[in-house]
Amino acid sequence: MNQHPIDLLPPQVRQRAQAGQRTGRSVALFGGTLLLLVVIVTHSKMVLDSAEVRLESIQREAQQAIGIEKAMLELEAELAQTQGYINLYQKVSSPLPMSGILATVINALPETAALDEIHAKVDAGLAVRSARSRYSSKEDEALPRRLRVELSGFAASDAEIAELVGRLRVIEPFENVSLDFSRTRPIGEKHAREFRLSLQIDLEAAYVHSALPLAEGVAHVDQ
């Protein structure tokens, strides 16, 4: 026959032993929980620190990007302003140096001819409307800018004046070369032929200087 175990401990001792066991389990459970919390907090702190570092890096990159964008906008504004100045200069400037034009005219003078006055004026291109466009909704179109030059001087005879006109007519970019008048005028004890010529230059065309010296003339390349 099996005999049941006999517990000879007094009830008070047994209760204290059981209470000690429960306290030990509670302390062990609390210690484990505390250790787990320390691990979780430490990991969270590391994650937080890493996130803060990334945030600071992103903020620096964002500031740099904002600075670059601001600089780009400023450069674009400066570029647009500069382009506006260039466009305005191209509208009002002459594509040919006046010194080259004068040198070309002077080189074309016959030996007995001399210039007395030179007048140059730019036609800004007045807006015109043709008869066909009167009933059109399109706006008036401006004429291209042209440089009008008047040359006054003296020559020994009409033959030299005609020679000068012929020379100027074959030189580019001179256009519409014409003799305005020619008349006899006394110069001291002698007489000479006073003349006035006029010519035009298209300022909307593109030009380049020729390879010859400036006094030899200019070359017209594109219309």
C-alpha atoms as a PDB file:
ATOM      1  CA  MET A   1       0.000   0.000   0.000  1.00  0.00           C
ATOM      2  CA  ASN A   2       1.133   3.518  -0.816  1.00  0.00           C
ATOM      3  CA  GLN A   3       1.525   5.825   2.085  1.00  0.00           C
ATOM      4  CA  HIS A   4       0.584   9.496   1.702  1.00  0.00           C
ATOM      5  CA  PRO A   5       3.380  11.995   2.427  1.00  0.00           C
ATOM      6  CA  ILE A   6       3.292  13.285   5.924  1.00  0.00           C
ATOM      7  CA  ASP A   7       3.881  17.030   6.415  1.00  0.00           C
ATOM      8  CA  LEU A   8       5.116  17.653   9.905  1.00  0.00           C
ATOM      9  CA  LEU A   9       5.738  21.420   9.422  1.00  0.00           C
ATOM     10  CA  PRO A  10       3.680  23.662  11.529  1.00  0.00           C
ATOM     11  CA  PRO A  11       1.118  25.700   9.579  1.00  0.00           C
ATOM     12  CA  GLN A  12       2.851  28.975  10.443  1.00  0.00           C
ATOM     13  CA  VAL A  13       6.178  27.788   9.024  1.00  0.00           C
ATOM     14  CA  ARG A  14       4.479  26.434   5.921  1.00  0.00           C
ATOM     15  CA  GLN A  15       2.740  29.787   5.320  1.00  0.00           C
ATOM     16  CA  ARG A  16       5.954  31.736   5.753  1.00  0.00           C
ATOM     17  CA  ALA A  17       7.719  29.434   3.274  1.00  0.00           C
ATOM     18  CA  GLN A  18       4.948  29.836   0.723  1.00  0.00           C
ATOM     19  CA  ALA A  19       4.979  33.630   1.205  1.00  0.00           C
ATOM     20  CA  GLY A  20       8.757  33.656   0.663  1.00  0.00           C
ATOM     21  CA  GLN A  21       8.346  31.689  -2.545  1.00  0.00           C
ATOM     22  CA  ARG A  22       5.703  34.109  -3.802  1.00  0.00           C
ATOM     23  CA  THR A  23       7.901  37.063  -2.877  1.00  0.00           C
ATOM     24  CA  GLY A  24      10.844  35.524  -4.736  1.00  0.00           C
ATOM     25  CA  ARG A  25       8.749  34.953  -7.844  1.00  0.00           C
ATOM     26  CA  SER A  26       7.449  38.546  -7.624  1.00  0.00           C
ATOM     27  CA  VAL A  27      10.957  39.934  -7.249  1.00  0.00           C
ATOM     28  CA  ALA A  28      12.170  37.836 -10.185  1.00  0.00           C
ATOM     29  CA  LEU A  29       9.206  38.951 -12.303  1.00  0.00           C
ATOM     30  CA  PHE A  30       9.781  42.624 -11.351  1.00  0.00           C
ATOM     31  CA  GLY A  31      13.490  42.342 -12.127  1.00  0.00           C
ATOM     32  CA  GLY A  32      12.787  40.794 -15.525  1.00  0.00           C
ATOM     33  CA  THR A  33      10.203  43.443 -16.292  1.00  0.00           C
ATOM     34  CA  LEU A  34      12.607  46.214 -15.204  1.00  0.00           C
ATOM     35  CA  LEU A  35      15.391  44.754 -17.370  1.00  0.00           C
ATOM     36  CA  LEU A  36      13.017  44.560 -20.342  1.00  0.00           C
ATOM     37  CA  LEU A  37      12.010  48.193 -19.787  1.00  0.00           C
ATOM     38  CA  VAL A  38      15.675  49.225 -19.644  1.00  0.00           C
ATOM     39  CA  VAL A  39      16.331  47.436 -22.949  1.00  0.00           C
ATOM     40  CA  ILE A  40      13.259  49.018 -24.564  1.00  0.00           C
ATOM     41  CA  VAL A  41      14.139  52.503 -23.292  1.00  0.00           C
ATOM     42  CA  THR A  42      17.770  52.140 -24.397  1.00  0.00           C
ATOM     43  CA  HIS A  43      16.730  50.986 -27.877  1.00  0.00           C
ATOM     44  CA  SER A  44      14.178  53.789 -28.143  1.00  0.00           C
ATOM     45  CA  LYS A  45      16.841  56.333 -27.104  1.00  0.00           C
ATOM     46  CA  MET A  46      19.194  55.027 -29.761  1.00  0.00           C
ATOM     47  CA  VAL A  47      16.436  55.159 -32.391  1.00  0.00           C
ATOM     48  CA  LEU A  48      15.529  58.680 -31.267  1.00  0.00           C
ATOM     49  CA  ASP A  49      19.128  59.855 -31.427  1.00  0.00           C
ATOM     50  CA  SER A  50      19.510  58.372 -34.900  1.00  0.00           C
ATOM     51  CA  ALA A  51      16.262  60.027 -36.007  1.00  0.00           C
ATOM     52  CA  GLU A  52      17.442  63.380 -34.647  1.00  0.00           C
ATOM     53  CA  VAL A  53      20.712  63.062 -36.548  1.00  0.00           C
ATOM     54  CA  ARG A  54      18.855  62.259 -39.765  1.00  0.00           C
ATOM     55  CA  LEU A  55      16.453  65.132 -39.120  1.00  0.00           C
ATOM     56  CA  GLU A  56      19.319  67.589 -38.657  1.00  0.00           C
ATOM     57  CA  SER A  57      20.950  66.307 -41.856  1.00  0.00           C
ATOM     58  CA  ILE A  58      17.682  66.642 -43.778  1.00  0.00           C
ATOM     59  CA  GLN A  59      17.167  70.129 -42.388  1.00  0.00           C
ATOM     60  CA  ARG A  60      20.662  71.161 -43.513  1.00  0.00           C
ATOM     61  CA  GLU A  61      20.033  69.715 -46.969  1.00  0.00           C
ATOM     62  CA  ALA A  62      16.680  71.492 -47.105  1.00  0.00           C
ATOM     63  CA  GLN A  63      18.323  74.797 -46.169  1.00  0.00           C
ATOM     64  CA  GLN A  64      20.955  74.248 -48.824  1.00  0.00           C
ATOM     65  CA  ALA A  65      18.257  73.435 -51.380  1.00  0.00           C
ATOM     66  CA  ILE A  66      16.338  76.574 -50.445  1.00  0.00           C
ATOM     67  CA  GLY A  67      19.530  78.631 -50.749  1.00  0.00           C
ATOM     68  CA  ILE A  68      20.302  77.106 -54.154  1.00  0.00           C
ATOM     69  CA  GLU A  69      16.755  77.730 -55.358  1.00  0.00           C
ATOM     70  CA  LYS A  70      16.921  81.338 -54.153  1.00  0.00           C
ATOM     71  CA  ALA A  71      20.256  81.828 -55.906  1.00  0.00           C
ATOM     72  CA  MET A  72      18.814  80.320 -59.090  1.00  0.00           C
ATOM     73  CA  LEU A  73      15.848  82.679 -58.969  1.00  0.00           C
ATOM     74  CA  GLU A  74      18.169  85.645 -58.482  1.00  0.00           C
ATOM     75  CA  LEU A  75      20.359  84.512 -61.383  1.00  0.00           C
ATOM     76  CA  GLU A  76      17.307  84.015 -63.597  1.00  0.00           C
ATOM     77  CA  ALA A  77      16.120  87.527 -62.742  1.00  0.00           C
ATOM     78  CA  GLU A  78      19.566  88.960 -63.503  1.00  0.00           C
ATOM     79  CA  LEU A  79      19.696  86.969 -66.746  1.00  0.00           C
ATOM     80  CA  ALA A  80      16.265  88.248 -67.799  1.00  0.00           C
ATOM     81  CA  GLN A  81      17.290  91.821 -66.960  1.00  0.00           C
ATOM     82  CA  THR A  82      20.554  91.451 -68.883  1.00  0.00           C
ATOM     83  CA  GLN A  83      18.724  89.940 -71.842  1.00  0.00           C
ATOM     84  CA  GLY A  84      16.349  92.901 -71.755  1.00  0.00           C
ATOM     85  CA  TYR A  85      19.311  95.284 -71.904  1.00  0.00           C
ATOM     86  CA  ILE A  86      20.767  93.291 -74.796  1.00  0.00           C
ATOM     87  CA  ASN A  87      17.480  93.374 -76.700  1.00  0.00           C
ATOM     88  CA  LEU A  88      17.162  97.108 -76.097  1.00  0.00           C
ATOM     89  CA  TYR A  89      20.746  97.679 -77.227  1.00  0.00           C
ATOM     90  CA  GLN A  90      20.149  95.644 -80.369  1.00  0.00           C
ATOM     91  CA  LYS A  91      17.095  97.750 -81.139  1.00  0.00           C
ATOM     92  CA  VAL A  92      18.852 101.109 -80.845  1.00  0.00           C
ATOM     93  CA  SER A  93      22.470 100.314 -81.751  1.00  0.00           C
ATOM     94  CA  SER A  94      23.999 100.318 -85.199  1.00  0.00           C
ATOM     95  CA  PRO A  95      25.338  96.974 -86.447  1.00  0.00           C
ATOM     96  CA  LEU A  96      28.088  98.866 -88.287  1.00  0.00           C
ATOM     97  CA  PRO A  97      30.596 101.287 -86.749  1.00  0.00           C
ATOM     98  CA  MET A  98      30.180 104.810 -88.093  1.00  0.00           C
ATOM     99  CA  SER A  99      33.942 105.075 -88.472  1.00  0.00           C
ATOM    100  CA  GLY A 100      33.902 102.167 -90.918  1.00  0.00           C
ATOM    101  CA  ILE A 101      31.089 103.742 -92.931  1.00  0.00           C
ATOM    102  CA  LEU A 102      32.922 107.083 -93.144  1.00  0.00           C
ATOM    103  CA  ALA A 103      36.191 105.390 -94.043  1.00  0.00           C
ATOM    104  CA  THR A 104      34.472 103.466 -96.825  1.00  0.00           C
ATOM    105  CA  VAL A 105      32.903 106.635 -98.239  1.00  0.00           C
ATOM    106  CA  ILE A 106      36.183 108.557 -98.048  1.00  0.00           C
ATOM    107  CA  ASN A 107      38.060 105.759 -99.832  1.00  0.00           C
ATOM    108  CA  ALA A 108      35.490 105.903-102.627  1.00  0.00           C
ATOM    109  CA  LEU A 109      36.090 109.628-103.262  1.00  0.00           C
ATOM    110  CA  PRO A 110      37.815 110.555-106.538  1.00  0.00           C
ATOM    111  CA  GLU A 111      41.058 112.485-106.182  1.00  0.00           C
ATOM    112  CA  THR A 112      39.391 115.799-107.095  1.00  0.00           C
ATOM    113  CA  ALA A 113      36.440 115.365-104.707  1.00  0.00           C
ATOM    114  CA  ALA A 114      36.229 116.305-101.047  1.00  0.00           C
ATOM    115  CA  LEU A 115      33.526 116.035 -98.406  1.00  0.00           C
ATOM    116  CA  ASP A 116      32.278 119.106 -96.574  1.00  0.00           C
ATOM    117  CA  GLU A 117      29.453 117.793 -94.384  1.00  0.00           C
ATOM    118  CA  ILE A 118      28.062 114.411 -93.366  1.00  0.00           C
ATOM    119  CA  HIS A 119      24.637 113.984 -91.768  1.00  0.00           C
ATOM    120  CA  ALA A 120      23.369 110.643 -90.504  1.00  0.00           C
ATOM    121  CA  LYS A 121      19.919 109.926 -89.133  1.00  0.00           C
ATOM    122  CA  VAL A 122      18.245 106.720 -88.025  1.00  0.00           C
ATOM    123  CA  ASP A 123      14.660 106.126 -89.094  1.00  0.00           C
ATOM    124  CA  ALA A 124      13.097 104.357 -86.122  1.00  0.00           C
ATOM    125  CA  GLY A 125      10.639 102.504 -88.330  1.00  0.00           C
ATOM    126  CA  LEU A 126       7.268 104.198 -88.344  1.00  0.00           C
ATOM    127  CA  ALA A 127       4.216 101.972 -88.187  1.00  0.00           C
ATOM    128  CA  VAL A 128       2.287 101.870 -91.454  1.00  0.00           C
ATOM    129  CA  ARG A 129      -0.977 100.319 -92.585  1.00  0.00           C
ATOM    130  CA  SER A 130      -1.540  99.335 -96.170  1.00  0.00           C
ATOM    131  CA  ALA A 131      -4.841  99.674 -97.985  1.00  0.00           C
ATOM    132  CA  ARG A 132      -5.326  95.914 -97.845  1.00  0.00           C
ATOM    133  CA  SER A 133      -4.718  95.790 -94.096  1.00  0.00           C
ATOM    134  CA  ARG A 134      -7.159  98.557 -93.221  1.00  0.00           C
ATOM    135  CA  TYR A 135      -9.890  96.021 -92.777  1.00  0.00           C
ATOM    136  CA  SER A 136      -7.655  93.526 -91.024  1.00  0.00           C
ATOM    137  CA  SER A 137      -7.607  92.962 -87.289  1.00  0.00           C
ATOM    138  CA  LYS A 138      -3.815  92.714 -87.260  1.00  0.00           C
ATOM    139  CA  GLU A 139      -1.860  95.511 -85.646  1.00  0.00           C
ATOM    140  CA  ASP A 140       0.272  97.897 -87.666  1.00  0.00           C
ATOM    141  CA  GLU A 141       3.692  96.587 -88.541  1.00  0.00           C
ATOM    142  CA  ALA A 142       6.782  98.720 -88.019  1.00  0.00           C
ATOM    143  CA  LEU A 143       9.207  99.358 -90.855  1.00  0.00           C
ATOM    144  CA  PRO A 144      12.773  98.126 -90.365  1.00  0.00           C
ATOM    145  CA  ARG A 145      15.252 100.674 -89.023  1.00  0.00           C
ATOM    146  CA  ARG A 146      17.359 102.366 -91.674  1.00  0.00           C
ATOM    147  CA  LEU A 147      20.322 104.713 -91.466  1.00  0.00           C
ATOM    148  CA  ARG A 148      19.979 107.681 -93.829  1.00  0.00           C
ATOM    149  CA  VAL A 149      23.257 109.384 -94.683  1.00  0.00           C
ATOM    150  CA  GLU A 150      23.647 112.695 -96.564  1.00  0.00           C
ATOM    151  CA  LEU A 151      27.067 113.581 -97.981  1.00  0.00           C
ATOM    152  CA  SER A 152      27.842 117.141 -99.062  1.00  0.00           C
ATOM    153  CA  GLY A 153      31.074 118.177-100.768  1.00  0.00           C
ATOM    154  CA  PHE A 154      32.827 119.538-103.802  1.00  0.00           C
ATOM    155  CA  ALA A 155      34.278 118.052-106.980  1.00  0.00           C
ATOM    156  CA  ALA A 156      36.037 119.353-110.034  1.00  0.00           C
ATOM    157  CA  SER A 157      33.257 118.301-112.404  1.00  0.00           C
ATOM    158  CA  ASP A 158      30.050 116.322-112.700  1.00  0.00           C
ATOM    159  CA  ALA A 159      32.075 113.426-114.051  1.00  0.00           C
ATOM    160  CA  GLU A 160      33.799 112.977-110.679  1.00  0.00           C
ATOM    161  CA  ILE A 161      30.432 113.221-108.914  1.00  0.00           C
ATOM    162  CA  ALA A 162      28.976 110.562-111.209  1.00  0.00           C
ATOM    163  CA  GLU A 163      32.051 108.408-110.568  1.00  0.00           C
ATOM    164  CA  LEU A 164      31.528 108.717-106.814  1.00  0.00           C
ATOM    165  CA  VAL A 165      27.861 107.776-107.139  1.00  0.00           C
ATOM    166  CA  GLY A 166      28.790 104.743-109.239  1.00  0.00           C
ATOM    167  CA  ARG A 167      31.390 103.590-106.723  1.00  0.00           C
ATOM    168  CA  LEU A 168      29.033 103.899-103.772  1.00  0.00           C
ATOM    169  CA  ARG A 169      26.256 102.011-105.544  1.00  0.00           C
ATOM    170  CA  VAL A 170      28.341  98.843-105.838  1.00  0.00           C
ATOM    171  CA  ILE A 171      29.527  98.905-102.207  1.00  0.00           C
ATOM    172  CA  GLU A 172      27.567  96.875 -99.711  1.00  0.00           C
ATOM    173  CA  PRO A 173      25.703  97.674 -97.533  1.00  0.00           C
ATOM    174  CA  PHE A 174      24.926 101.035 -99.209  1.00  0.00           C
ATOM    175  CA  GLU A 175      21.441 101.161-100.748  1.00  0.00           C
ATOM    176  CA  ASN A 176      19.424 103.737-102.667  1.00  0.00           C
ATOM    177  CA  VAL A 177      22.466 105.856-103.467  1.00  0.00           C
ATOM    178  CA  SER A 178      21.259 108.963-105.286  1.00  0.00           C
ATOM    179  CA  LEU A 179      22.434 112.436-106.270  1.00  0.00           C
ATOM    180  CA  ASP A 180      20.269 115.058-104.611  1.00  0.00           C
ATOM    181  CA  PHE A 181      21.730 118.024-106.486  1.00  0.00           C
ATOM    182  CA  SER A 182      24.849 119.323-108.201  1.00  0.00           C
ATOM    183  CA  ARG A 183      25.562 122.994-108.864  1.00  0.00           C
ATOM    184  CA  THR A 184      28.450 125.318-109.594  1.00  0.00           C
ATOM    185  CA  ARG A 185      29.857 127.246-106.652  1.00  0.00           C
ATOM    186  CA  PRO A 186      32.783 129.648-106.576  1.00  0.00           C
ATOM    187  CA  ILE A 187      35.633 128.759-104.271  1.00  0.00           C
ATOM    188  CA  GLY A 188      38.044 131.663-104.132  1.00  0.00           C
ATOM    189  CA  GLU A 189      39.032 132.490-107.716  1.00  0.00           C
ATOM    190  CA  LYS A 190      37.969 129.088-109.029  1.00  0.00           C
ATOM    191  CA  HIS A 191      34.660 127.296-109.544  1.00  0.00           C
ATOM    192  CA  ALA A 192      33.767 123.812-108.378  1.00  0.00           C
ATOM    193  CA  ARG A 193      30.734 121.583-108.473  1.00  0.00           C
ATOM    194  CA  GLU A 194      28.935 121.437-105.136  1.00  0.00           C
ATOM    195  CA  PHE A 195      26.970 118.235-104.623  1.00  0.00           C
ATOM    196  CA  ARG A 196      24.910 116.365-102.107  1.00  0.00           C
ATOM    197  CA  LEU A 197      24.447 112.596-102.123  1.00  0.00           C
ATOM    198  CA  SER A 198      22.160 110.439-100.033  1.00  0.00           C
ATOM    199  CA  LEU A 199      22.250 106.749 -99.253  1.00  0.00           C
ATOM    200  CA  GLN A 200      20.631 104.274 -96.881  1.00  0.00           C
ATOM    201  CA  ILE A 201      21.784 101.321 -94.799  1.00  0.00           C
ATOM    202  CA  ASP A 202      19.507  98.588 -93.476  1.00  0.00           C
ATOM    203  CA  LEU A 203      20.104  98.390 -89.712  1.00  0.00           C
ATOM    204  CA  GLU A 204      18.063  95.209 -89.294  1.00  0.00           C
ATOM    205  CA  ALA A 205      20.466  93.097 -91.355  1.00  0.00           C
ATOM    206  CA  ALA A 206      23.396  91.147 -89.919  1.00  0.00           C
ATOM    207  CA  TYR A 207      26.894  92.300 -90.814  1.00  0.00           C
ATOM    208  CA  VAL A 208      30.476  91.267 -90.249  1.00  0.00           C
ATOM    209  CA  HIS A 209      33.644  93.251 -90.793  1.00  0.00           C
ATOM    210  CA  SER A 210      35.657  92.287 -93.820  1.00  0.00           C
ATOM    211  CA  ALA A 211      39.167  90.953 -93.523  1.00  0.00           C
ATOM    212  CA  LEU A 212      40.447  94.167 -95.101  1.00  0.00           C
ATOM    213  CA  PRO A 213      41.540  97.107 -92.949  1.00  0.00           C
ATOM    214  CA  LEU A 214      38.764  99.294 -91.616  1.00  0.00           C
ATOM    215  CA  ALA A 215      39.537 102.026 -94.110  1.00  0.00           C
ATOM    216  CA  GLU A 216      38.984  99.565 -96.950  1.00  0.00           C
ATOM    217  CA  GLY A 217      35.320  99.047 -96.170  1.00  0.00           C
ATOM    218  CA  VAL A 218      32.830  96.749 -94.576  1.00  0.00           C
ATOM    219  CA  ALA A 219      31.145  93.607 -95.797  1.00  0.00           C
ATOM    220  CA  HIS A 220      27.464  92.789 -95.794  1.00  0.00           C
ATOM    221  CA  VAL A 221      26.662  89.137 -95.192  1.00  0.00           C
ATOM    222  CA  ASP A 222      22.982  88.559 -94.441  1.00  0.00           C
ATOM    223  CA  GLN A 223      19.751  90.317 -95.184  1.00  0.00           C
END
